[in-house]
């Protein structure tokens, strides 16, 4: 990395191959202004810059991939051996399952014979559900009617109480006047 564009400028820093740089500016003369991860800025020949990783980094990456693939291959070999053992176990289980299948087929035939009665049970169940809905509807109607009767009874008691109160007030106003008239009429005799 140089201080300016060209070989007449001094070398500012030596960069190793594969160092990541941020390109700030490109000059048609063949130089690019760059910044290192540490923040140092300078000029480098554009032809030395590359968007792809260096060969050293690509080699390390390839070695790592090969090691990972070899590890995967060994895992697959172990898995194949395990699957072979499982295959023999599956064969014995398959025989057991065939016997069980035959037994279950016989049970299924018995259930089919029993299921023929299920149609009659289903019809009876449907009829009972319809009756239950009717009874439920009647019950709701009775609850509504009962609430209405309670409201009427409460209203009637309120009206009776109001009538008694009104009668009491009326009698309270009229009776004292009747007594006064009687006394007045007796006193005049």
N, C-alpha and C. Protein backbone atom coordinates (compact mmCIF):
# COMPACT_ATOMS: atom_id res chain seq x y z
N UNK A 1 0.86 -1.15 0.00
CA UNK A 1 0.00 0.00 0.00
C UNK A 1 0.92 1.22 0.00
N UNK A 2 0.67 2.15 -0.92
CA UNK A 2 1.50 3.36 -1.05
C UNK A 2 0.73 4.58 -0.59
N UNK A 3 1.48 5.68 -0.38
CA UNK A 3 0.88 6.94 0.06
C UNK A 3 0.15 7.64 -1.08
N UNK A 4 0.48 7.36 -2.32
CA UNK A 4 -0.14 8.01 -3.46
C UNK A 4 -0.23 7.07 -4.64
N UNK A 5 -0.61 7.62 -5.81
CA UNK A 5 -0.80 6.81 -7.01
C UNK A 5 0.50 6.77 -7.79
N UNK A 6 1.16 5.68 -7.75
CA UNK A 6 2.39 5.50 -8.52
C UNK A 6 3.54 5.01 -7.66
N UNK A 7 4.60 4.59 -8.33
CA UNK A 7 5.74 4.05 -7.61
C UNK A 7 6.62 5.14 -7.03
N UNK A 8 6.41 6.36 -7.41
CA UNK A 8 7.20 7.47 -6.86
C UNK A 8 6.80 7.78 -5.42
N UNK A 9 5.60 7.30 -4.98
CA UNK A 9 5.16 7.51 -3.59
C UNK A 9 5.68 6.36 -2.73
N UNK A 10 5.98 6.69 -1.50
CA UNK A 10 6.54 5.71 -0.58
C UNK A 10 5.55 4.63 -0.17
N UNK A 11 6.08 3.50 0.24
CA UNK A 11 5.25 2.38 0.70
C UNK A 11 4.80 2.70 2.11
N UNK A 12 3.52 2.68 2.31
CA UNK A 12 2.93 2.99 3.61
C UNK A 12 2.84 1.74 4.48
N UNK A 13 2.45 0.62 3.85
CA UNK A 13 2.26 -0.62 4.61
C UNK A 13 2.34 -1.79 3.66
N UNK A 14 2.88 -2.92 4.14
CA UNK A 14 2.92 -4.15 3.35
C UNK A 14 1.68 -4.97 3.70
N UNK A 15 0.93 -5.35 2.69
CA UNK A 15 -0.29 -6.12 2.89
C UNK A 15 -0.06 -7.56 2.49
N UNK A 16 -0.57 -8.48 3.30
CA UNK A 16 -0.47 -9.90 2.96
C UNK A 16 -1.56 -10.25 1.96
N UNK A 17 -1.29 -11.27 1.20
CA UNK A 17 -2.27 -11.75 0.23
C UNK A 17 -3.50 -12.25 0.98
N UNK A 18 -4.67 -11.85 0.53
CA UNK A 18 -5.91 -12.28 1.16
C UNK A 18 -6.45 -11.28 2.18
N UNK A 19 -5.73 -10.17 2.40
CA UNK A 19 -6.21 -9.16 3.33
C UNK A 19 -7.46 -8.50 2.75
N UNK A 20 -8.51 -8.39 3.56
CA UNK A 20 -9.75 -7.76 3.09
C UNK A 20 -9.57 -6.26 3.14
N UNK A 21 -9.94 -5.61 2.05
CA UNK A 21 -9.81 -4.16 1.94
C UNK A 21 -11.15 -3.57 1.51
N UNK A 22 -11.38 -2.33 1.92
CA UNK A 22 -12.57 -1.60 1.49
C UNK A 22 -12.12 -0.62 0.41
N UNK A 23 -12.68 -0.74 -0.78
CA UNK A 23 -12.30 0.14 -1.89
C UNK A 23 -13.08 1.44 -1.75
N UNK A 24 -12.32 2.55 -1.63
CA UNK A 24 -12.93 3.86 -1.45
C UNK A 24 -13.08 4.61 -2.76
N UNK A 25 -12.09 4.39 -3.66
CA UNK A 25 -12.06 5.17 -4.90
C UNK A 25 -11.23 4.41 -5.91
N UNK A 26 -11.62 4.46 -7.19
CA UNK A 26 -10.85 3.82 -8.25
C UNK A 26 -10.45 4.88 -9.27
N UNK A 27 -9.16 4.84 -9.65
CA UNK A 27 -8.61 5.82 -10.60
C UNK A 27 -8.36 5.13 -11.93
N UNK A 28 -8.67 5.77 -13.06
CA UNK A 28 -8.44 5.13 -14.36
C UNK A 28 -6.96 4.84 -14.62
N UNK A 29 -6.07 5.45 -13.86
CA UNK A 29 -4.63 5.23 -14.06
C UNK A 29 -4.20 3.86 -13.56
N UNK A 30 -5.10 3.11 -12.92
CA UNK A 30 -4.76 1.75 -12.50
C UNK A 30 -4.58 1.60 -11.00
N UNK A 31 -4.86 2.63 -10.23
CA UNK A 31 -4.73 2.56 -8.78
C UNK A 31 -6.10 2.71 -8.13
N UNK A 32 -6.23 2.11 -6.93
CA UNK A 32 -7.47 2.22 -6.16
C UNK A 32 -7.12 2.64 -4.74
N UNK A 33 -7.91 3.58 -4.21
CA UNK A 33 -7.72 3.99 -2.83
C UNK A 33 -8.50 3.01 -1.96
N UNK A 34 -7.82 2.45 -0.93
CA UNK A 34 -8.41 1.40 -0.10
C UNK A 34 -8.22 1.74 1.38
N UNK A 35 -9.03 1.02 2.20
CA UNK A 35 -8.90 1.16 3.65
C UNK A 35 -8.80 -0.25 4.24
N UNK A 36 -7.84 -0.45 5.17
CA UNK A 36 -7.67 -1.74 5.83
C UNK A 36 -8.66 -1.86 6.97
N UNK A 37 -8.86 -3.06 7.51
CA UNK A 37 -9.76 -3.22 8.66
C UNK A 37 -9.31 -2.40 9.86
N UNK A 38 -8.00 -2.09 9.96
CA UNK A 38 -7.51 -1.27 11.08
C UNK A 38 -7.77 0.21 10.86
N UNK A 39 -8.16 0.61 9.64
CA UNK A 39 -8.48 1.99 9.34
C UNK A 39 -7.42 2.73 8.55
N UNK A 40 -6.31 2.07 8.21
CA UNK A 40 -5.26 2.73 7.43
C UNK A 40 -5.72 2.85 5.97
N UNK A 41 -5.46 4.02 5.36
CA UNK A 41 -5.86 4.27 3.98
C UNK A 41 -4.63 4.48 3.12
N UNK A 42 -4.69 4.01 1.88
CA UNK A 42 -3.59 4.17 0.93
C UNK A 42 -4.01 3.72 -0.44
N UNK A 43 -3.01 3.71 -1.38
CA UNK A 43 -3.29 3.37 -2.78
C UNK A 43 -2.63 2.04 -3.12
N UNK A 44 -3.37 1.20 -3.88
CA UNK A 44 -2.90 -0.12 -4.31
C UNK A 44 -3.21 -0.26 -5.79
N UNK A 45 -2.32 -0.99 -6.53
CA UNK A 45 -2.62 -1.26 -7.93
C UNK A 45 -3.92 -2.05 -8.04
N UNK A 46 -4.80 -1.59 -8.88
CA UNK A 46 -6.12 -2.21 -9.02
C UNK A 46 -6.01 -3.66 -9.47
N UNK A 47 -5.02 -3.99 -10.27
CA UNK A 47 -4.89 -5.37 -10.78
C UNK A 47 -4.56 -6.36 -9.67
N UNK A 48 -4.09 -5.87 -8.50
CA UNK A 48 -3.80 -6.76 -7.37
C UNK A 48 -5.06 -7.04 -6.53
N UNK A 49 -6.11 -6.32 -6.82
CA UNK A 49 -7.34 -6.52 -6.06
C UNK A 49 -8.20 -7.59 -6.74
N UNK A 50 -8.93 -8.35 -5.90
CA UNK A 50 -9.78 -9.42 -6.42
C UNK A 50 -11.01 -9.55 -5.53
N UNK A 51 -12.14 -9.83 -6.16
CA UNK A 51 -13.37 -10.03 -5.39
C UNK A 51 -13.46 -11.44 -4.81
N UNK A 52 -12.67 -12.36 -5.34
CA UNK A 52 -12.71 -13.74 -4.85
C UNK A 52 -11.60 -13.95 -3.82
N UNK A 53 -11.77 -14.91 -2.91
CA UNK A 53 -10.76 -15.17 -1.89
C UNK A 53 -9.44 -15.61 -2.53
N UNK A 54 -8.37 -15.43 -1.77
CA UNK A 54 -7.04 -15.80 -2.28
C UNK A 54 -6.94 -17.32 -2.37
N UNK A 55 -5.96 -17.78 -3.13
CA UNK A 55 -5.77 -19.22 -3.32
C UNK A 55 -5.50 -19.90 -1.99
N UNK A 56 -4.76 -19.25 -1.09
CA UNK A 56 -4.46 -19.82 0.22
C UNK A 56 -5.76 -20.03 1.00
N UNK A 57 -6.64 -19.02 0.99
CA UNK A 57 -7.92 -19.15 1.70
C UNK A 57 -8.81 -20.20 1.04
N UNK A 58 -8.78 -20.28 -0.30
CA UNK A 58 -9.58 -21.28 -1.01
C UNK A 58 -9.07 -22.69 -0.67
N UNK A 59 -7.74 -22.84 -0.55
CA UNK A 59 -7.17 -24.14 -0.22
C UNK A 59 -7.61 -24.57 1.18
N UNK A 60 -7.56 -23.64 2.14
CA UNK A 60 -7.98 -23.96 3.51
C UNK A 60 -9.46 -24.34 3.53
N UNK A 61 -10.24 -23.61 2.79
CA UNK A 61 -11.67 -23.89 2.73
C UNK A 61 -11.92 -25.27 2.10
N UNK A 62 -11.17 -25.58 1.06
CA UNK A 62 -11.33 -26.89 0.39
C UNK A 62 -10.90 -28.01 1.33
N UNK A 63 -9.81 -27.82 2.06
CA UNK A 63 -9.36 -28.85 3.02
C UNK A 63 -10.43 -29.08 4.07
N UNK A 64 -11.03 -28.01 4.54
CA UNK A 64 -12.07 -28.13 5.56
C UNK A 64 -13.27 -28.88 5.00
N UNK A 65 -13.65 -28.58 3.75
CA UNK A 65 -14.79 -29.28 3.14
C UNK A 65 -14.50 -30.77 2.98
N UNK A 66 -13.25 -31.10 2.56
CA UNK A 66 -12.87 -32.51 2.39
C UNK A 66 -12.94 -33.23 3.74
N UNK A 67 -12.44 -32.57 4.80
CA UNK A 67 -12.50 -33.19 6.12
C UNK A 67 -13.95 -33.41 6.56
N UNK A 68 -14.80 -32.44 6.31
CA UNK A 68 -16.22 -32.58 6.66
C UNK A 68 -16.88 -33.71 5.87
N UNK A 69 -16.53 -33.81 4.57
CA UNK A 69 -17.11 -34.87 3.74
C UNK A 69 -16.63 -36.24 4.20
N UNK A 70 -15.36 -36.36 4.59
CA UNK A 70 -14.86 -37.65 5.09
C UNK A 70 -15.58 -38.03 6.38
N UNK A 71 -15.83 -37.04 7.21
CA UNK A 71 -16.55 -37.30 8.45
C UNK A 71 -17.98 -37.76 8.14
N UNK A 72 -18.61 -37.12 7.16
CA UNK A 72 -19.96 -37.52 6.76
C UNK A 72 -19.97 -38.95 6.21
N UNK A 73 -18.95 -39.28 5.41
CA UNK A 73 -18.88 -40.63 4.83
C UNK A 73 -18.79 -41.67 5.94
N UNK A 74 -17.97 -41.40 6.96
CA UNK A 74 -17.85 -42.37 8.05
C UNK A 74 -19.19 -42.50 8.79
N UNK A 75 -19.89 -41.38 8.95
CA UNK A 75 -21.20 -41.44 9.61
C UNK A 75 -22.18 -42.28 8.77
N UNK A 76 -22.14 -42.09 7.44
CA UNK A 76 -23.04 -42.85 6.57
C UNK A 76 -22.71 -44.34 6.61
N UNK A 77 -21.42 -44.68 6.69
CA UNK A 77 -21.04 -46.09 6.79
C UNK A 77 -21.60 -46.70 8.07
N UNK A 78 -21.50 -45.96 9.18
CA UNK A 78 -22.05 -46.46 10.44
C UNK A 78 -23.57 -46.60 10.34
N UNK A 79 -24.19 -45.65 9.67
CA UNK A 79 -25.64 -45.70 9.51
C UNK A 79 -26.06 -46.89 8.65
N UNK A 80 -25.28 -47.19 7.62
CA UNK A 80 -25.59 -48.34 6.75
C UNK A 80 -25.50 -49.63 7.57
N UNK A 81 -24.45 -49.74 8.41
CA UNK A 81 -24.31 -50.94 9.24
C UNK A 81 -25.49 -51.05 10.20
N UNK A 82 -25.87 -49.93 10.78
CA UNK A 82 -26.99 -49.93 11.71
C UNK A 82 -28.29 -50.32 10.99
N UNK A 83 -28.47 -49.79 9.77
CA UNK A 83 -29.68 -50.11 9.00
C UNK A 83 -29.72 -51.58 8.60
N UNK A 84 -28.56 -52.17 8.34
CA UNK A 84 -28.52 -53.61 8.02
C UNK A 84 -29.00 -54.42 9.20
N UNK A 85 -28.55 -54.03 10.41
CA UNK A 85 -28.99 -54.75 11.60
C UNK A 85 -30.49 -54.56 11.82
N UNK A 86 -30.94 -53.35 11.57
CA UNK A 86 -32.36 -53.07 11.73
C UNK A 86 -33.19 -53.84 10.71
N UNK A 87 -32.65 -54.04 9.52
CA UNK A 87 -33.37 -54.76 8.47
C UNK A 87 -33.67 -56.19 8.92
N UNK A 88 -32.71 -56.84 9.56
CA UNK A 88 -32.96 -58.20 10.03
C UNK A 88 -34.01 -58.19 11.14
N UNK A 89 -33.95 -57.17 11.98
CA UNK A 89 -34.97 -57.05 13.03
C UNK A 89 -36.35 -56.82 12.41
N UNK A 90 -36.39 -56.01 11.37
CA UNK A 90 -37.66 -55.70 10.70
C UNK A 90 -38.25 -56.95 10.06
N UNK A 91 -37.40 -57.80 9.51
CA UNK A 91 -37.92 -59.04 8.91
C UNK A 91 -38.64 -59.90 9.94
N UNK A 92 -38.04 -60.00 11.13
CA UNK A 92 -38.70 -60.81 12.17
C UNK A 92 -40.00 -60.13 12.63
N UNK A 93 -39.96 -58.80 12.73
CA UNK A 93 -41.18 -58.09 13.12
C UNK A 93 -42.26 -58.21 12.05
N UNK A 94 -41.83 -58.26 10.79
CA UNK A 94 -42.78 -58.39 9.68
C UNK A 94 -43.56 -59.71 9.80
N UNK A 95 -42.87 -60.75 10.16
CA UNK A 95 -43.53 -62.04 10.33
C UNK A 95 -44.56 -61.96 11.46
N UNK A 96 -44.17 -61.33 12.55
CA UNK A 96 -45.07 -61.17 13.68
C UNK A 96 -46.28 -60.33 13.29
N UNK A 97 -46.04 -59.30 12.51
CA UNK A 97 -47.14 -58.43 12.07
C UNK A 97 -48.10 -59.15 11.14
N UNK A 98 -47.59 -60.03 10.33
CA UNK A 98 -48.48 -60.80 9.43
C UNK A 98 -49.44 -61.65 10.25
N UNK A 99 -48.91 -62.30 11.29
CA UNK A 99 -49.76 -63.12 12.15
C UNK A 99 -50.81 -62.24 12.84
N UNK A 100 -50.36 -61.08 13.29
CA UNK A 100 -51.28 -60.16 13.96
C UNK A 100 -52.34 -59.66 12.98
N UNK A 101 -51.95 -59.43 11.73
CA UNK A 101 -52.88 -58.97 10.71
C UNK A 101 -53.97 -60.00 10.47
N UNK A 102 -53.61 -61.25 10.43
CA UNK A 102 -54.61 -62.30 10.23
C UNK A 102 -55.60 -62.34 11.40
N UNK A 103 -55.04 -62.20 12.60
CA UNK A 103 -55.90 -62.21 13.79
C UNK A 103 -56.85 -61.00 13.77
N UNK A 104 -56.33 -59.84 13.39
CA UNK A 104 -57.15 -58.63 13.34
C UNK A 104 -58.21 -58.72 12.24
N UNK A 105 -57.90 -59.39 11.15
CA UNK A 105 -58.90 -59.58 10.08
C UNK A 105 -60.09 -60.37 10.61
N UNK A 106 -59.80 -61.37 11.41
CA UNK A 106 -60.89 -62.16 11.99
C UNK A 106 -61.73 -61.28 12.93
N UNK A 107 -61.05 -60.47 13.73
CA UNK A 107 -61.77 -59.58 14.64
C UNK A 107 -62.62 -58.56 13.86
N UNK A 108 -62.07 -58.09 12.74
CA UNK A 108 -62.81 -57.14 11.91
C UNK A 108 -64.09 -57.76 11.37
N UNK A 109 -64.01 -58.99 10.97
CA UNK A 109 -65.22 -59.68 10.49
C UNK A 109 -66.27 -59.75 11.60
N UNK A 110 -65.82 -60.04 12.82
CA UNK A 110 -66.75 -60.09 13.95
C UNK A 110 -67.37 -58.71 14.20
N UNK A 111 -66.56 -57.68 14.09
CA UNK A 111 -67.05 -56.31 14.31
C UNK A 111 -68.04 -55.91 13.22
N UNK A 112 -67.81 -56.34 12.01
CA UNK A 112 -68.74 -56.01 10.93
C UNK A 112 -70.10 -56.63 11.18
N UNK A 113 -70.09 -57.84 11.67
CA UNK A 113 -71.36 -58.47 11.99
C UNK A 113 -72.07 -57.71 13.10
N UNK A 114 -71.32 -57.26 14.09
CA UNK A 114 -71.90 -56.51 15.20
C UNK A 114 -72.36 -55.14 14.73
N UNK A 115 -71.64 -54.56 13.75
CA UNK A 115 -71.96 -53.20 13.28
C UNK A 115 -73.29 -53.13 12.55
N UNK A 116 -73.78 -54.27 12.08
CA UNK A 116 -75.07 -54.24 11.40
C UNK A 116 -76.17 -53.77 12.36
N UNK A 117 -75.99 -54.03 13.66
CA UNK A 117 -76.94 -53.55 14.66
C UNK A 117 -76.76 -52.05 14.91
N UNK A 118 -75.64 -51.52 14.53
CA UNK A 118 -75.34 -50.11 14.79
C UNK A 118 -76.28 -49.18 14.04
N UNK A 119 -76.77 -49.60 12.89
CA UNK A 119 -77.69 -48.76 12.12
C UNK A 119 -78.97 -48.53 12.92
N UNK A 120 -79.47 -49.57 13.52
CA UNK A 120 -80.69 -49.43 14.32
C UNK A 120 -80.41 -48.54 15.53
N UNK A 121 -79.25 -48.72 16.14
CA UNK A 121 -78.89 -47.88 17.29
C UNK A 121 -78.75 -46.42 16.88
N UNK A 122 -78.22 -46.19 15.71
CA UNK A 122 -78.04 -44.82 15.20
C UNK A 122 -79.40 -44.13 15.00
N UNK A 123 -80.36 -44.87 14.43
CA UNK A 123 -81.71 -44.31 14.24
C UNK A 123 -82.37 -43.97 15.58
N UNK A 124 -82.24 -44.87 16.53
CA UNK A 124 -82.81 -44.63 17.86
C UNK A 124 -82.14 -43.42 18.52
N UNK A 125 -80.86 -43.33 18.37
CA UNK A 125 -80.10 -42.21 18.94
C UNK A 125 -80.56 -40.88 18.32
N UNK A 126 -80.76 -40.87 17.01
CA UNK A 126 -81.23 -39.67 16.32
C UNK A 126 -82.60 -39.24 16.84
N UNK A 127 -83.52 -40.22 17.01
CA UNK A 127 -84.87 -39.91 17.51
C UNK A 127 -84.80 -39.35 18.93
N UNK A 128 -83.93 -39.93 19.74
CA UNK A 128 -83.82 -39.45 21.12
C UNK A 128 -83.24 -38.03 21.15
N UNK A 129 -82.34 -37.73 20.25
CA UNK A 129 -81.78 -36.37 20.19
C UNK A 129 -82.86 -35.36 19.79
N UNK A 130 -83.74 -35.75 18.86
CA UNK A 130 -84.82 -34.87 18.45
C UNK A 130 -85.78 -34.61 19.62
N UNK A 131 -86.11 -35.67 20.38
CA UNK A 131 -86.99 -35.51 21.54
C UNK A 131 -86.33 -34.60 22.58
N UNK A 132 -85.04 -34.78 22.77
CA UNK A 132 -84.31 -33.96 23.73
C UNK A 132 -84.35 -32.49 23.31
N UNK A 133 -84.23 -32.23 22.01
CA UNK A 133 -84.30 -30.85 21.54
C UNK A 133 -85.69 -30.25 21.79
N UNK A 134 -86.74 -31.05 21.56
CA UNK A 134 -88.11 -30.58 21.79
C UNK A 134 -88.33 -30.26 23.27
N UNK A 135 -87.86 -31.15 24.13
CA UNK A 135 -88.01 -30.95 25.57
C UNK A 135 -87.22 -29.72 26.00
N UNK A 136 -86.05 -29.54 25.45
CA UNK A 136 -85.22 -28.39 25.76
C UNK A 136 -85.93 -27.10 25.35
N UNK A 137 -86.54 -27.12 24.17
CA UNK A 137 -87.28 -25.94 23.69
C UNK A 137 -88.47 -25.64 24.61
N UNK A 138 -89.22 -26.68 25.00
CA UNK A 138 -90.35 -26.50 25.91
C UNK A 138 -89.88 -25.95 27.25
N UNK A 139 -88.76 -26.45 27.73
CA UNK A 139 -88.20 -25.99 29.00
C UNK A 139 -87.85 -24.50 28.92
N UNK A 140 -87.27 -24.08 27.83
CA UNK A 140 -86.93 -22.67 27.66
C UNK A 140 -88.19 -21.81 27.62
N UNK A 141 -89.23 -22.31 26.95
CA UNK A 141 -90.50 -21.57 26.89
C UNK A 141 -91.09 -21.42 28.29
N UNK A 142 -91.04 -22.49 29.09
CA UNK A 142 -91.57 -22.45 30.45
C UNK A 142 -90.78 -21.49 31.33
N UNK A 143 -89.47 -21.46 31.15
CA UNK A 143 -88.64 -20.53 31.93
C UNK A 143 -89.02 -19.11 31.59
N UNK A 144 -89.22 -18.82 30.31
CA UNK A 144 -89.61 -17.46 29.89
C UNK A 144 -90.98 -17.10 30.47
N UNK A 145 -91.92 -18.04 30.40
CA UNK A 145 -93.26 -17.80 30.92
C UNK A 145 -93.23 -17.59 32.44
N UNK A 146 -92.43 -18.39 33.13
CA UNK A 146 -92.28 -18.27 34.58
C UNK A 146 -91.73 -16.90 34.95
N UNK A 147 -90.72 -16.43 34.21
CA UNK A 147 -90.15 -15.10 34.47
C UNK A 147 -91.20 -14.01 34.24
N UNK A 148 -92.01 -14.17 33.18
CA UNK A 148 -93.06 -13.19 32.90
C UNK A 148 -94.08 -13.17 34.04
N UNK A 149 -94.46 -14.34 34.56
CA UNK A 149 -95.42 -14.41 35.68
C UNK A 149 -94.83 -13.77 36.93
N UNK A 150 -93.56 -13.98 37.17
CA UNK A 150 -92.91 -13.34 38.33
C UNK A 150 -92.96 -11.83 38.18
N UNK A 151 -92.68 -11.35 36.98
CA UNK A 151 -92.73 -9.90 36.73
C UNK A 151 -94.15 -9.37 36.97
N UNK A 152 -95.18 -10.10 36.47
CA UNK A 152 -96.58 -9.68 36.66
C UNK A 152 -96.93 -9.66 38.14
N UNK A 153 -96.50 -10.68 38.88
CA UNK A 153 -96.81 -10.76 40.30
C UNK A 153 -96.17 -9.60 41.04
N UNK A 154 -94.94 -9.29 40.71
CA UNK A 154 -94.25 -8.16 41.34
C UNK A 154 -94.95 -6.86 41.00
N UNK A 155 -95.36 -6.69 39.77
CA UNK A 155 -96.05 -5.48 39.34
C UNK A 155 -97.40 -5.37 40.06
N UNK A 156 -98.13 -6.48 40.19
CA UNK A 156 -99.41 -6.46 40.88
C UNK A 156 -99.24 -6.06 42.33
N UNK A 157 -98.25 -6.60 43.00
CA UNK A 157 -98.00 -6.22 44.40
C UNK A 157 -97.65 -4.74 44.49
N UNK A 158 -96.88 -4.26 43.53
CA UNK A 158 -96.53 -2.85 43.52
C UNK A 158 -97.79 -1.99 43.37
N UNK A 159 -98.69 -2.38 42.43
CA UNK A 159 -99.93 -1.63 42.21
C UNK A 159 -100.82 -1.67 43.45
N UNK A 160 -100.93 -2.83 44.10
CA UNK A 160 -101.74 -2.95 45.32
C UNK A 160 -101.16 -2.02 46.39
N UNK A 161 -99.83 -2.04 46.52
CA UNK A 161 -99.18 -1.17 47.52
C UNK A 161 -99.43 0.29 47.21
N UNK A 162 -99.35 0.66 45.93
CA UNK A 162 -99.59 2.04 45.54
C UNK A 162 -101.04 2.43 45.82
N UNK A 163 -102.00 1.52 45.56
CA UNK A 163 -103.42 1.78 45.81
C UNK A 163 -103.66 1.97 47.31
N UNK A 164 -103.03 1.12 48.14
CA UNK A 164 -103.19 1.23 49.59
C UNK A 164 -102.63 2.56 50.05
N UNK A 165 -101.47 2.92 49.55
CA UNK A 165 -100.84 4.18 49.92
C UNK A 165 -101.73 5.36 49.51
N UNK A 166 -102.23 5.34 48.29
CA UNK A 166 -103.08 6.41 47.80
C UNK A 166 -104.36 6.50 48.63
N UNK A 167 -104.97 5.34 48.93
CA UNK A 167 -106.20 5.30 49.74
C UNK A 167 -105.93 5.87 51.12
N UNK A 168 -104.76 5.50 51.68
CA UNK A 168 -104.40 6.00 53.01
C UNK A 168 -104.25 7.50 53.00
N UNK A 169 -103.59 8.02 52.01
CA UNK A 169 -103.42 9.47 51.91
C UNK A 169 -104.77 10.14 51.74
N UNK A 170 -105.60 9.60 50.88
CA UNK A 170 -106.92 10.16 50.62
C UNK A 170 -107.77 10.14 51.89
N UNK A 171 -107.78 9.03 52.59
CA UNK A 171 -108.55 8.94 53.84
C UNK A 171 -107.97 9.89 54.88
N UNK A 172 -106.63 10.01 54.88
CA UNK A 172 -105.99 10.90 55.83
C UNK A 172 -106.36 12.34 55.57
N UNK A 173 -106.64 12.69 54.35
CA UNK A 173 -107.04 14.07 54.04
C UNK A 173 -108.55 14.29 54.27
N UNK A 174 -109.36 13.28 53.97
CA UNK A 174 -110.81 13.44 54.04
C UNK A 174 -111.32 13.27 55.48
N UNK A 175 -110.88 12.29 56.23
CA UNK A 175 -111.41 12.01 57.56
C UNK A 175 -111.26 13.19 58.53
N UNK A 176 -110.12 13.86 58.57
CA UNK A 176 -110.05 14.99 59.50
C UNK A 176 -111.07 16.05 59.14
N UNK A 177 -111.42 16.27 57.96
CA UNK A 177 -112.40 17.30 57.57
C UNK A 177 -113.81 16.86 57.97
N UNK A 178 -114.09 15.59 57.89
CA UNK A 178 -115.40 15.11 58.29
C UNK A 178 -115.60 15.28 59.79
N UNK A 179 -114.65 15.05 60.58
CA UNK A 179 -114.75 15.20 62.03
C UNK A 179 -114.97 16.67 62.38
N UNK A 180 -114.27 17.54 61.70
CA UNK A 180 -114.41 18.97 61.99
C UNK A 180 -115.83 19.40 61.65
N UNK A 181 -116.39 18.94 60.60
CA UNK A 181 -117.75 19.31 60.22
C UNK A 181 -118.76 18.78 61.24
N UNK A 182 -118.53 17.60 61.71
CA UNK A 182 -119.46 17.05 62.70
C UNK A 182 -119.42 17.89 63.97
N UNK A 183 -118.25 18.26 64.39
CA UNK A 183 -118.14 19.06 65.60
C UNK A 183 -118.78 20.43 65.35
N UNK A 184 -118.53 20.97 64.19
CA UNK A 184 -119.12 22.27 63.86
C UNK A 184 -120.65 22.14 63.82
N UNK A 185 -121.14 21.05 63.26
CA UNK A 185 -122.57 20.93 63.15
C UNK A 185 -123.20 20.66 64.53
N UNK A 186 -122.54 20.04 65.43
CA UNK A 186 -123.09 19.78 66.74
C UNK A 186 -123.01 21.03 67.60
N UNK A 187 -121.97 21.76 67.37
CA UNK A 187 -121.84 22.98 68.17
C UNK A 187 -122.90 24.00 67.78
N UNK A 188 -123.44 23.96 66.62
CA UNK A 188 -124.43 24.93 66.19
C UNK A 188 -125.82 24.54 66.70
N UNK A 189 -126.04 23.38 67.13
CA UNK A 189 -127.34 22.97 67.64
C UNK A 189 -127.50 23.44 68.99
